[in-house]
Structures are given as structure tokens and as C-alpha cells.
């Protein structure tokens, strides 16, 4: 009887985790460092190529808790076109999913101070579910592992100046069913379309300090609306401290440091504000951002920051703009 109960617990936990993992792509607290993952129109907005590596450990201290590793690269190829590539590995319990996507963006200069970009995302996800790890015997539904590939696409629009941005996008346009043993299981896991809406502004408080509030809404069928509200202080384009709140879910502390002119590192700690706080030690997120070369875009996205230009560099840029 004890073994039967244990098997039921395993099966229930597996189905719940698989379903929630398939419907919900990975969440990021440092979404401003991974914006091309949720909106392909962002690709190329820095005016140079940017590579980002990110690691997130969610619900630390719990066996089988979600872990996400991300590697992305995006940049301009010409004055109006941007390209990007991203690889995301998301693991939870016995399920592992690797997403590989290519991005394309096209930018239109609306005015001298504003840009509107449109983007497309195409690729797919490799899903592996190690059912044999569950240890369930004499059940044909759990007698072999699950391996499959599901193609998908996404689209988005991104409007920005050097201080303001507004973003709207969607991913998983091709809704797919991940797990359906000929309809003989209790529940299916389907990947639903996800919508993102985000905006932010940069206030120049003084020559040394900037205030950068932002928000992001994330909606998906079958799950509550996810709302992120964050604000941070940037000092001399060198160090950033901030706080973020995901309504009814978590509160986070943010930190970023520009180590060199082109290299930044970031760390975020999320403390759960729901009942889950009794069962985990919070979530950790690390990022490394490398900017390659010098920016060719005088109107970079407002949450992108590099070495603060001195008066001679600013004068040189103004002279180049006037000549063009």
C-alpha cells in the first residue's frame, strides 16, 4: 500500500510540473538583460553586438526545482536590420527543454529622436522527459522516455528613444501539445501563446544618478496574469541597485556592475511572498553581458548602458551627425 501511494504522489507531481512547465516559458527577473528573448524587435537596438549569458536557479533548496541557462547574441547588420540567436535550456524535475531561436528585426526612424522596430522569431524546442527516473513499474505509460521537437514562431514591436521604451510581443504562436499518450493520460501539457507588454523610462536625477522605473505584464491562457514592477538607481553608468516586485509572487533585489567598458555582471535574489516561501530558500539569477565593439546607433535602447562619454566624445559624435 505504501508503494502504491508513493507512485501516485510521483505521478501527480510529474503531471503538475510537466503541465506548468510546458505552459509557462522561463521567467526572468533581469528581463532587461534578456529582452530579445521575449521580443525579437529588440535585436540590434544597441548598435553593436551584445552577448548575454544568464543562469537562474528557482526555489533554491528544493530537489528538482527549476533551473534555466541562457545564451543569447544579437546585433545590427546594416542601418535598419538586426539579427539575433538564443539558446535556452530549462530544466525542472525530470523534464528538460532546450529552446533554439533566430531573430530578425527591421527598424524605422520615426523622428530624429525615436525609432520603431518590428521583429520576427523562428525556431523550436527540444523536449526530453526522463520518465524512467520516476521509478514507476508495470505501467506502459511510463515505460519509455519522451523526446520530441516542436517548431514555433514569435513576433513583436519595439518603440524607443534614449529615455523611453514601449514593447509588445508574443511567443509560442504555434500552440502545441507536448504530452498525449493517445489521450490515455489524465492530463495533457500544451504550450500556449504568451503575450508581453512592457515599458520604462530613464530620469536624469543629476549628472551622476539616473532613476529607471519599468514594468512588464505577461499573459498566458490558463495562468494568472504576471505583473513585474521594478525601479533602479544607476550611478555614473557604473553601478546599478534596484528592487522589483512580482505581484503576489516575489520581491527581488537587483544589482549590476560595469566591470570594464564593455563588460557587465548582474545578480538578482528573489524572495517568495506566497505560501511557497515556507518550502524554498528563494531564487538566484546571475548574468554576464559582453558588448563587442563600439555602438553605431546614436539612439540606443534606454536600458542599455556603457561607459559614460566625456565631453570630447560627445562633441565628436555631434560633429559626425552634422556631417551626415
Protein backbone atom coordinates (compact mmCIF):
# COMPACT_ATOMS: atom_id res chain seq x y z
CA UNK A 1 0.00 0.00 0.00
CA UNK A 2 2.87 2.34 0.82
CA UNK A 3 4.46 1.77 -2.60
CA UNK A 4 1.15 2.44 -4.37
CA UNK A 5 0.76 5.73 -2.50
CA UNK A 6 4.32 6.71 -3.37
CA UNK A 7 3.71 6.01 -7.04
CA UNK A 8 0.56 8.12 -7.02
CA UNK A 9 2.47 11.01 -5.48
CA UNK A 10 5.19 10.69 -8.14
CA UNK A 11 2.67 10.64 -10.98
CA UNK A 12 0.68 13.58 -9.65
CA UNK A 13 3.80 15.68 -9.10
CA UNK A 14 5.13 14.83 -12.53
CA UNK A 15 1.91 15.74 -14.35
CA UNK A 16 1.55 19.03 -12.48
CA UNK A 17 5.15 20.05 -13.12
CA UNK A 18 5.11 18.98 -16.76
CA UNK A 19 1.89 20.85 -17.42
CA UNK A 20 3.01 24.06 -15.71
CA UNK A 21 6.44 23.91 -17.33
CA UNK A 22 5.00 23.44 -20.81
CA UNK A 23 2.50 26.28 -20.48
CA UNK A 24 4.96 28.71 -18.94
CA UNK A 25 8.25 29.61 -20.57
CA UNK A 26 11.04 30.59 -18.16
CA UNK A 27 10.54 33.77 -16.13
CA UNK A 28 13.37 36.26 -15.69
CA UNK A 29 13.75 38.98 -13.10
CA UNK A 30 16.55 40.53 -15.17
CA UNK A 31 14.33 40.65 -18.26
CA UNK A 32 16.02 43.90 -19.38
CA UNK A 33 19.20 41.85 -19.92
CA UNK A 34 17.32 39.24 -21.97
CA UNK A 35 14.83 41.41 -23.82
CA UNK A 36 15.48 39.82 -27.22
CA UNK A 37 14.22 36.51 -25.76
CA UNK A 38 10.72 37.92 -25.36
CA UNK A 39 10.74 40.48 -28.21
CA UNK A 40 12.72 39.87 -31.44
CA UNK A 41 12.27 43.54 -32.41
CA UNK A 42 14.81 44.41 -29.70
CA UNK A 43 17.62 42.76 -31.67
CA UNK A 44 20.15 45.29 -32.92
CA UNK A 45 18.91 48.16 -30.75
CA UNK A 46 22.29 48.54 -29.02
CA UNK A 47 24.04 49.49 -32.25
CA UNK A 48 26.62 46.75 -31.63
CA UNK A 49 26.65 43.01 -30.93
CA UNK A 50 25.78 42.02 -27.38
CA UNK A 51 26.27 38.54 -25.91
CA UNK A 52 24.46 37.61 -22.69
CA UNK A 53 24.86 34.54 -20.51
CA UNK A 54 22.28 34.02 -17.77
CA UNK A 55 21.75 31.40 -15.08
CA UNK A 56 18.65 31.19 -12.91
CA UNK A 57 18.08 28.78 -10.03
CA UNK A 58 14.48 28.96 -8.87
CA UNK A 59 13.22 27.81 -5.48
CA UNK A 60 16.72 27.03 -4.23
CA UNK A 61 16.98 24.17 -1.78
CA UNK A 62 14.25 22.04 -3.32
CA UNK A 63 15.21 18.87 -5.21
CA UNK A 64 14.14 19.02 -8.85
CA UNK A 65 13.42 22.77 -8.71
CA UNK A 66 13.55 24.76 -11.99
CA UNK A 67 16.93 25.80 -13.44
CA UNK A 68 17.44 27.87 -16.58
CA UNK A 69 20.61 28.57 -18.55
CA UNK A 70 20.52 31.13 -21.36
CA UNK A 71 22.98 32.23 -24.04
CA UNK A 72 21.96 34.95 -26.50
CA UNK A 73 23.61 37.13 -29.13
CA UNK A 74 22.11 39.99 -31.12
CA UNK A 75 23.29 43.00 -33.10
CA UNK A 76 22.83 45.16 -36.22
CA UNK A 77 23.67 44.10 -39.77
CA UNK A 78 23.28 47.37 -41.64
CA UNK A 79 21.45 50.52 -40.60
CA UNK A 80 17.96 49.06 -40.31
CA UNK A 81 18.29 45.29 -39.88
CA UNK A 82 19.11 43.39 -36.69
CA UNK A 83 19.74 39.69 -36.17
CA UNK A 84 19.82 37.54 -33.06
CA UNK A 85 20.29 33.98 -31.83
CA UNK A 86 19.27 32.49 -28.48
CA UNK A 87 19.65 29.14 -26.77
CA UNK A 88 17.70 28.50 -23.57
CA UNK A 89 17.87 25.30 -21.52
CA UNK A 90 15.08 24.95 -18.98
CA UNK A 91 15.07 22.02 -16.56
CA UNK A 92 12.55 21.04 -13.89
CA UNK A 93 12.27 17.68 -12.13
CA UNK A 94 12.52 15.00 -14.86
CA UNK A 95 11.70 17.39 -17.72
CA UNK A 96 14.35 19.22 -19.76
CA UNK A 97 13.56 21.58 -22.66
CA UNK A 98 16.04 23.38 -24.93
CA UNK A 99 14.79 26.31 -27.00
CA UNK A 100 16.75 27.48 -30.06
CA UNK A 101 15.55 30.61 -31.87
CA UNK A 102 16.76 33.07 -34.51
CA UNK A 103 15.54 36.69 -34.51
CA UNK A 104 15.10 39.27 -37.27
CA UNK A 105 14.27 42.95 -36.78
CA UNK A 106 13.68 45.92 -39.06
CA UNK A 107 13.88 49.48 -37.70
CA UNK A 108 12.22 52.69 -38.90
CA UNK A 109 13.40 56.12 -37.71
CA UNK A 110 10.16 57.94 -36.90
CA UNK A 111 11.93 61.14 -35.87
CA UNK A 112 15.48 62.18 -35.09
CA UNK A 113 14.91 61.02 -31.52
CA UNK A 114 12.70 57.92 -31.87
CA UNK A 115 12.79 54.50 -33.52
CA UNK A 116 10.13 51.87 -34.15
CA UNK A 117 11.31 48.31 -34.78
CA UNK A 118 9.40 45.21 -35.85
CA UNK A 119 10.67 41.68 -35.30
CA UNK A 120 10.09 38.02 -36.05
CA UNK A 121 11.32 34.98 -34.09
CA UNK A 122 11.56 31.47 -35.51
CA UNK A 123 12.92 28.20 -34.16
CA UNK A 124 11.73 25.46 -31.87
CA UNK A 125 12.06 23.46 -28.68
CA UNK A 126 13.60 20.06 -27.95
CA UNK A 127 11.72 18.38 -25.13
CA UNK A 128 13.10 15.45 -23.14
CA UNK A 129 11.17 13.84 -20.29
CA UNK A 130 13.02 11.11 -18.40
CA UNK A 131 10.00 9.06 -17.32
CA UNK A 132 12.17 6.13 -16.23
CA UNK A 133 13.55 8.30 -13.40
CA UNK A 134 10.13 8.24 -11.77
CA UNK A 135 10.66 4.59 -10.86
CA UNK A 136 7.12 3.61 -11.83
CA UNK A 137 6.97 -0.06 -12.83
CA UNK A 138 4.35 -2.13 -14.65
CA UNK A 139 2.79 0.91 -16.30
CA UNK A 140 3.14 1.21 -20.11
CA UNK A 141 2.61 4.99 -19.98
CA UNK A 142 5.87 5.38 -18.06
CA UNK A 143 7.88 2.62 -19.70
CA UNK A 144 9.86 4.82 -22.10
CA UNK A 145 11.20 8.38 -22.17
CA UNK A 146 9.67 11.17 -24.20
CA UNK A 147 11.74 13.01 -26.84
CA UNK A 148 10.26 15.42 -29.36
CA UNK A 149 10.83 18.66 -31.29
CA UNK A 150 8.21 21.39 -31.64
CA UNK A 151 8.72 24.33 -34.05
CA UNK A 152 7.39 27.75 -33.11
CA UNK A 153 7.41 31.44 -34.02
CA UNK A 154 7.04 34.81 -32.31
CA UNK A 155 6.63 38.47 -33.25
CA UNK A 156 6.94 41.89 -31.64
CA UNK A 157 7.20 45.65 -31.95
CA UNK A 158 9.60 47.87 -30.00
CA UNK A 159 9.45 51.69 -29.82
CA UNK A 160 12.25 53.58 -28.13
CA UNK A 161 14.13 56.81 -27.60
CA UNK A 162 17.23 57.26 -25.46
CA UNK A 163 14.97 57.60 -22.37
CA UNK A 164 11.72 55.76 -23.06
CA UNK A 165 10.66 52.40 -24.48
CA UNK A 166 7.41 50.55 -25.10
CA UNK A 167 7.34 46.90 -26.10
CA UNK A 168 4.63 44.47 -27.16
CA UNK A 169 5.30 40.92 -28.28
CA UNK A 170 4.07 37.36 -28.36
CA UNK A 171 5.82 33.99 -28.46
CA UNK A 172 4.58 30.41 -28.95
CA UNK A 173 2.20 31.48 -31.72
CA UNK A 174 2.07 27.85 -32.90
CA UNK A 175 0.36 26.24 -29.92
CA UNK A 176 1.46 22.63 -29.50
CA UNK A 177 0.62 19.64 -27.33
CA UNK A 178 3.67 18.18 -25.62
CA UNK A 179 2.40 15.02 -24.00
CA UNK A 180 -0.57 12.98 -25.08
CA UNK A 181 -0.13 9.22 -24.94
CA UNK A 182 -3.09 8.73 -27.29
CA UNK A 183 -5.29 10.51 -24.75
CA UNK A 184 -4.71 7.80 -22.16
CA UNK A 185 -3.14 10.05 -19.55
CA UNK A 186 -5.01 12.10 -17.01
CA UNK A 187 -3.76 15.45 -18.31
CA UNK A 188 -2.07 16.92 -21.37
CA UNK A 189 0.63 19.56 -21.36
CA UNK A 190 0.25 22.20 -24.04
CA UNK A 191 2.40 25.20 -24.91
CA UNK A 192 0.16 28.25 -25.04
CA UNK A 193 0.69 31.61 -26.74
CA UNK A 194 2.30 34.13 -24.36
CA UNK A 195 1.81 37.91 -24.59
CA UNK A 196 4.22 40.51 -23.19
CA UNK A 197 3.66 44.23 -22.63
CA UNK A 198 6.44 46.32 -21.15
CA UNK A 199 7.51 49.94 -20.80
CA UNK A 200 10.09 52.00 -18.93
CA UNK A 201 11.65 55.44 -18.62
CA UNK A 202 15.00 56.86 -17.57
CA UNK A 203 15.01 60.01 -15.42
CA UNK A 204 18.23 62.01 -15.15
CA UNK A 205 18.28 62.96 -11.47
CA UNK A 206 21.73 64.56 -11.70
CA UNK A 207 24.97 64.21 -13.63
CA UNK A 208 25.79 61.17 -11.50
CA UNK A 209 22.44 59.46 -10.91
CA UNK A 210 19.62 58.10 -13.08
CA UNK A 211 16.29 56.62 -11.99
CA UNK A 212 14.98 53.78 -14.17
CA UNK A 213 11.43 52.52 -13.41
CA UNK A 214 9.80 49.87 -15.63
CA UNK A 215 7.05 47.27 -15.70
CA UNK A 216 6.21 44.10 -17.60
CA UNK A 217 2.90 42.27 -17.99
CA UNK A 218 2.89 38.64 -19.04
CA UNK A 219 -0.29 36.87 -20.01
CA UNK A 220 -0.91 33.23 -20.99
CA UNK A 221 -4.08 31.21 -21.23
CA UNK A 222 -4.64 29.03 -18.18
CA UNK A 223 -2.38 31.01 -15.82
CA UNK A 224 -2.78 34.21 -13.76
CA UNK A 225 -1.51 37.48 -15.24
CA UNK A 226 2.10 38.04 -14.18
CA UNK A 227 2.98 41.66 -13.36
CA UNK A 228 6.54 42.87 -12.70
CA UNK A 229 7.19 46.37 -11.36
CA UNK A 230 10.78 47.47 -10.85
CA UNK A 231 12.89 50.56 -10.29
CA UNK A 232 16.62 51.05 -10.03
CA UNK A 233 19.24 53.73 -9.46
CA UNK A 234 22.19 53.95 -11.85
CA UNK A 235 25.32 55.72 -10.61
CA UNK A 236 27.81 57.11 -13.16
CA UNK A 237 26.79 54.36 -15.61
CA UNK A 238 28.88 52.13 -13.39
CA UNK A 239 26.76 50.57 -10.63
CA UNK A 240 23.04 49.83 -10.52
CA UNK A 241 20.91 48.96 -7.49
CA UNK A 242 17.22 48.25 -7.65
CA UNK A 243 14.16 46.49 -6.38
CA UNK A 244 11.45 44.55 -8.22
CA UNK A 245 8.06 43.19 -7.21
CA UNK A 246 6.19 40.41 -8.99
CA UNK A 247 2.66 40.88 -7.67
CA UNK A 248 1.53 38.11 -5.30
CA UNK A 249 4.65 36.11 -6.11
CA UNK A 250 8.03 37.59 -5.11
CA UNK A 251 10.11 40.63 -4.21
CA UNK A 252 13.64 40.98 -5.58
CA UNK A 253 16.86 42.86 -5.05
CA UNK A 254 18.79 43.85 -8.20
CA UNK A 255 22.47 44.64 -8.69
CA UNK A 256 24.63 45.28 -11.75
CA UNK A 257 28.25 46.35 -12.12
CA UNK A 258 30.14 47.55 -15.20
CA UNK A 259 33.48 45.80 -14.75
CA UNK A 260 35.07 47.25 -17.90
CA UNK A 261 33.87 49.50 -20.72
CA UNK A 262 32.12 46.56 -22.43
CA UNK A 263 31.59 44.01 -19.66
CA UNK A 264 28.79 43.96 -17.08
CA UNK A 265 27.78 41.42 -14.45
CA UNK A 266 24.45 41.23 -12.63
CA UNK A 267 22.85 39.40 -9.74
CA UNK A 268 19.26 39.14 -8.51
CA UNK A 269 17.78 37.48 -5.46
CA UNK A 270 14.05 36.73 -5.41
CA UNK A 271 12.28 36.11 -2.12
CA UNK A 272 8.91 34.42 -2.46
CA UNK A 273 5.91 36.28 -0.98
CA UNK A 274 3.50 33.39 -1.47
CA UNK A 275 2.99 30.21 0.57
CA UNK A 276 5.91 28.70 -1.35
CA UNK A 277 8.25 30.74 0.88
CA UNK A 278 7.85 28.00 3.52
CA UNK A 279 9.35 25.39 1.18
CA UNK A 280 12.32 27.08 -0.54
CA UNK A 281 15.21 29.49 0.01
CA UNK A 282 14.35 31.94 -2.76
CA UNK A 283 15.69 32.20 -6.32
CA UNK A 284 19.07 33.33 -7.64
CA UNK A 285 19.81 34.83 -11.04
CA UNK A 286 23.25 35.67 -12.45
CA UNK A 287 24.10 37.35 -15.75
CA UNK A 288 27.18 38.32 -17.73
CA UNK A 289 26.78 40.85 -20.57
CA UNK A 290 29.52 41.47 -23.13
CA UNK A 291 29.25 44.32 -25.65
CA UNK A 292 31.50 43.84 -28.67
CA UNK A 293 32.86 46.90 -30.48
CA UNK A 294 31.60 50.46 -30.49
CA UNK A 295 27.97 51.38 -30.91
CA UNK A 296 26.89 52.70 -34.32
CA UNK A 297 23.46 53.73 -33.04
CA UNK A 298 23.06 57.19 -31.54
CA UNK A 299 19.61 56.22 -30.19
CA UNK A 300 20.27 53.12 -28.16
CA UNK A 301 17.55 51.47 -26.10
CA UNK A 302 17.29 53.34 -22.76
CA UNK A 303 18.13 50.38 -20.52
CA UNK A 304 21.38 49.76 -22.40
CA UNK A 305 24.38 51.42 -20.76
CA UNK A 306 28.11 51.53 -21.38
CA UNK A 307 30.96 53.79 -20.38
CA UNK A 308 29.81 57.36 -19.82
CA UNK A 309 31.08 59.56 -22.65
CA UNK A 310 33.27 62.52 -21.84
CA UNK A 311 32.79 65.97 -23.37
CA UNK A 312 35.28 65.30 -26.21
CA UNK A 313 33.47 62.10 -27.26
CA UNK A 314 30.09 63.86 -27.18
CA UNK A 315 31.45 66.72 -29.33
CA UNK A 316 32.88 64.20 -31.82
CA UNK A 317 29.51 62.44 -32.13
CA UNK A 318 27.72 65.75 -32.70
CA UNK A 319 30.20 66.70 -35.43
CA UNK A 320 29.73 63.29 -37.14
CA UNK A 321 25.93 63.68 -37.00
CA UNK A 322 26.09 67.17 -38.51
CA UNK A 323 28.31 65.93 -41.36
CA UNK A 324 25.83 63.15 -42.12
